[in-house]
Amino acid sequence: MNHHDADTLFKSLGDPTRRRLFEHLCVKGEQSVRALTDRAGISQPAVSKHLFVLKEAGLVTGQQRGRETHYTAQADGLRSLVDWTDRMTRFWEAKFDRLDVLLKRMDQ
């Protein structure tokens, strides 16, 4: 994951409204902008701006159907986040393992 991708992903999920939109799409599946707007309690232009950010981060895709755009969550968009958290988990586990060894040596 390069820094730009990470920044884009974290920024997109850092906003609570975008996070709720993404979570809703994950749970409920494909939704029209109208349905998302009705649920979000914010204006359609605001929902569209949030969806644009999520799309730029690779978290959703949109498909035009007639006059409406339908959005779908893209779980693969989270892959870089999962990879990053795995790396950080391994890093900190190694640090704590070394600390545990040091503390055991100090106790002897």
C-alpha atoms as a PDB file:
ATOM      1  CA  MET A   1       0.000   0.000   0.000  1.00  0.00           C
ATOM      2  CA  ASN A   2       1.547   3.306  -0.985  1.00  0.00           C
ATOM      3  CA  HIS A   3       1.032   6.388   1.163  1.00  0.00           C
ATOM      4  CA  HIS A   4      -1.406   8.017  -1.261  1.00  0.00           C
ATOM      5  CA  ASP A   5      -3.642   4.933  -1.314  1.00  0.00           C
ATOM      6  CA  ALA A   6      -3.496   4.633   2.467  1.00  0.00           C
ATOM      7  CA  ASP A   7      -4.295   8.308   2.953  1.00  0.00           C
ATOM      8  CA  THR A   8      -7.222   8.112   0.531  1.00  0.00           C
ATOM      9  CA  LEU A   9      -8.622   4.996   2.187  1.00  0.00           C
ATOM     10  CA  PHE A  10      -8.233   6.246   5.765  1.00  0.00           C
ATOM     11  CA  LYS A  11      -9.625   9.669   4.864  1.00  0.00           C
ATOM     12  CA  SER A  12     -12.637   8.132   3.169  1.00  0.00           C
ATOM     13  CA  LEU A  13     -13.454   5.893   6.139  1.00  0.00           C
ATOM     14  CA  GLY A  14     -12.573   8.580   8.674  1.00  0.00           C
ATOM     15  CA  ASP A  15     -15.815  10.423   8.016  1.00  0.00           C
ATOM     16  CA  PRO A  16     -18.729   8.913   9.996  1.00  0.00           C
ATOM     17  CA  THR A  17     -21.286   9.575   7.247  1.00  0.00           C
ATOM     18  CA  ARG A  18     -19.150   7.845   4.615  1.00  0.00           C
ATOM     19  CA  ARG A  19     -18.474   4.982   6.994  1.00  0.00           C
ATOM     20  CA  ARG A  20     -22.225   4.524   7.576  1.00  0.00           C
ATOM     21  CA  LEU A  21     -22.933   4.654   3.829  1.00  0.00           C
ATOM     22  CA  PHE A  22     -20.251   2.034   3.169  1.00  0.00           C
ATOM     23  CA  GLU A  23     -21.455  -0.185   6.023  1.00  0.00           C
ATOM     24  CA  HIS A  24     -25.044   0.074   4.786  1.00  0.00           C
ATOM     25  CA  LEU A  25     -23.987  -0.959   1.278  1.00  0.00           C
ATOM     26  CA  CYS A  26     -22.020  -3.874   2.720  1.00  0.00           C
ATOM     27  CA  VAL A  27     -24.987  -5.121   4.747  1.00  0.00           C
ATOM     28  CA  LYS A  28     -27.905  -4.326   2.418  1.00  0.00           C
ATOM     29  CA  GLY A  29     -26.216  -4.711  -0.958  1.00  0.00           C
ATOM     30  CA  GLU A  30     -26.758  -2.531  -3.975  1.00  0.00           C
ATOM     31  CA  GLN A  31     -28.671   0.697  -3.356  1.00  0.00           C
ATOM     32  CA  SER A  32     -29.754   3.642  -5.467  1.00  0.00           C
ATOM     33  CA  VAL A  33     -28.588   7.138  -4.592  1.00  0.00           C
ATOM     34  CA  ARG A  34     -32.209   7.946  -3.796  1.00  0.00           C
ATOM     35  CA  ALA A  35     -32.466   5.070  -1.298  1.00  0.00           C
ATOM     36  CA  LEU A  36     -29.157   6.055   0.293  1.00  0.00           C
ATOM     37  CA  THR A  37     -30.285   9.685   0.527  1.00  0.00           C
ATOM     38  CA  ASP A  38     -33.579   8.719   2.172  1.00  0.00           C
ATOM     39  CA  ARG A  39     -31.686   6.676   4.758  1.00  0.00           C
ATOM     40  CA  ALA A  40     -28.808   9.104   5.375  1.00  0.00           C
ATOM     41  CA  GLY A  41     -30.913  12.094   6.327  1.00  0.00           C
ATOM     42  CA  ILE A  42     -28.735  14.475   4.320  1.00  0.00           C
ATOM     43  CA  SER A  43     -29.187  16.067   0.901  1.00  0.00           C
ATOM     44  CA  GLN A  44     -28.726  14.140  -2.321  1.00  0.00           C
ATOM     45  CA  PRO A  45     -25.768  16.331  -3.372  1.00  0.00           C
ATOM     46  CA  ALA A  46     -24.070  15.581  -0.027  1.00  0.00           C
ATOM     47  CA  VAL A  47     -24.662  11.832  -0.447  1.00  0.00           C
ATOM     48  CA  SER A  48     -23.276  12.016  -3.987  1.00  0.00           C
ATOM     49  CA  LYS A  49     -20.133  13.788  -2.755  1.00  0.00           C
ATOM     50  CA  HIS A  50     -19.602  11.114  -0.092  1.00  0.00           C
ATOM     51  CA  LEU A  51     -20.131   8.369  -2.674  1.00  0.00           C
ATOM     52  CA  PHE A  52     -17.582  10.033  -4.957  1.00  0.00           C
ATOM     53  CA  VAL A  53     -14.970   9.903  -2.177  1.00  0.00           C
ATOM     54  CA  LEU A  54     -15.781   6.243  -1.462  1.00  0.00           C
ATOM     55  CA  LYS A  55     -15.537   5.486  -5.182  1.00  0.00           C
ATOM     56  CA  GLU A  56     -12.156   7.223  -5.439  1.00  0.00           C
ATOM     57  CA  ALA A  57     -10.941   5.035  -2.558  1.00  0.00           C
ATOM     58  CA  GLY A  58     -12.110   1.890  -4.370  1.00  0.00           C
ATOM     59  CA  LEU A  59     -14.736   1.104  -1.734  1.00  0.00           C
ATOM     60  CA  VAL A  60     -17.816   1.382  -3.958  1.00  0.00           C
ATOM     61  CA  THR A  61     -18.729   1.189  -7.609  1.00  0.00           C
ATOM     62  CA  GLY A  62     -21.614   2.935  -9.315  1.00  0.00           C
ATOM     63  CA  GLN A  63     -23.701   1.751 -12.220  1.00  0.00           C
ATOM     64  CA  GLN A  64     -26.040   4.002 -14.148  1.00  0.00           C
ATOM     65  CA  ARG A  65     -29.512   2.530 -14.693  1.00  0.00           C
ATOM     66  CA  GLY A  66     -31.771   4.896 -16.521  1.00  0.00           C
ATOM     67  CA  ARG A  67     -31.857   8.104 -14.528  1.00  0.00           C
ATOM     68  CA  GLU A  68     -30.527   6.552 -11.316  1.00  0.00           C
ATOM     69  CA  THR A  69     -27.094   5.430 -10.211  1.00  0.00           C
ATOM     70  CA  HIS A  70     -26.904   2.297  -8.079  1.00  0.00           C
ATOM     71  CA  TYR A  71     -23.931   1.748  -5.785  1.00  0.00           C
ATOM     72  CA  THR A  72     -22.380  -1.473  -4.543  1.00  0.00           C
ATOM     73  CA  ALA A  73     -19.740  -1.941  -1.841  1.00  0.00           C
ATOM     74  CA  GLN A  74     -16.423  -3.378  -2.969  1.00  0.00           C
ATOM     75  CA  ALA A  75     -14.952  -5.500  -0.193  1.00  0.00           C
ATOM     76  CA  ASP A  76     -11.675  -5.751  -2.127  1.00  0.00           C
ATOM     77  CA  GLY A  77     -11.276  -2.030  -1.495  1.00  0.00           C
ATOM     78  CA  LEU A  78     -10.529  -2.914   2.123  1.00  0.00           C
ATOM     79  CA  ARG A  79      -7.671  -5.278   1.184  1.00  0.00           C
ATOM     80  CA  SER A  80      -4.995  -2.624   1.635  1.00  0.00           C
ATOM     81  CA  LEU A  81      -6.441  -1.705   5.046  1.00  0.00           C
ATOM     82  CA  VAL A  82      -6.442  -5.363   6.114  1.00  0.00           C
ATOM     83  CA  ASP A  83      -2.853  -5.762   4.875  1.00  0.00           C
ATOM     84  CA  TRP A  84      -1.773  -2.645   6.768  1.00  0.00           C
ATOM     85  CA  THR A  85      -3.418  -3.762  10.019  1.00  0.00           C
ATOM     86  CA  ASP A  86      -1.837  -7.213   9.638  1.00  0.00           C
ATOM     87  CA  ARG A  87       1.607  -5.603   9.249  1.00  0.00           C
ATOM     88  CA  MET A  88       1.051  -3.382  12.272  1.00  0.00           C
ATOM     89  CA  THR A  89      -0.210  -6.338  14.320  1.00  0.00           C
ATOM     90  CA  ARG A  90       2.906  -8.366  13.476  1.00  0.00           C
ATOM     91  CA  PHE A  91       5.122  -5.381  14.263  1.00  0.00           C
ATOM     92  CA  TRP A  92       3.601  -4.822  17.714  1.00  0.00           C
ATOM     93  CA  GLU A  93       3.410  -8.525  18.542  1.00  0.00           C
ATOM     94  CA  ALA A  94       7.141  -8.802  17.828  1.00  0.00           C
ATOM     95  CA  LYS A  95       7.832  -5.777  20.060  1.00  0.00           C
ATOM     96  CA  PHE A  96       5.779  -7.248  22.909  1.00  0.00           C
ATOM     97  CA  ASP A  97       7.424 -10.660  22.480  1.00  0.00           C
ATOM     98  CA  ARG A  98      10.863  -9.054  22.813  1.00  0.00           C
ATOM     99  CA  LEU A  99       9.692  -7.105  25.842  1.00  0.00           C
ATOM    100  CA  ASP A 100       8.341 -10.310  27.399  1.00  0.00           C
ATOM    101  CA  VAL A 101      11.705 -12.052  26.872  1.00  0.00           C
ATOM    102  CA  LEU A 102      13.531  -9.087  28.402  1.00  0.00           C
ATOM    103  CA  LEU A 103      11.237  -9.006  31.427  1.00  0.00           C
ATOM    104  CA  LYS A 104      11.668 -12.749  32.008  1.00  0.00           C
ATOM    105  CA  ARG A 105      15.454 -12.362  31.866  1.00  0.00           C
ATOM    106  CA  MET A 106      15.263  -9.505  34.347  1.00  0.00           C
ATOM    107  CA  ASP A 107      13.211 -11.679  36.753  1.00  0.00           C
ATOM    108  CA  GLN A 108      15.871 -14.401  36.829  1.00  0.00           C
END
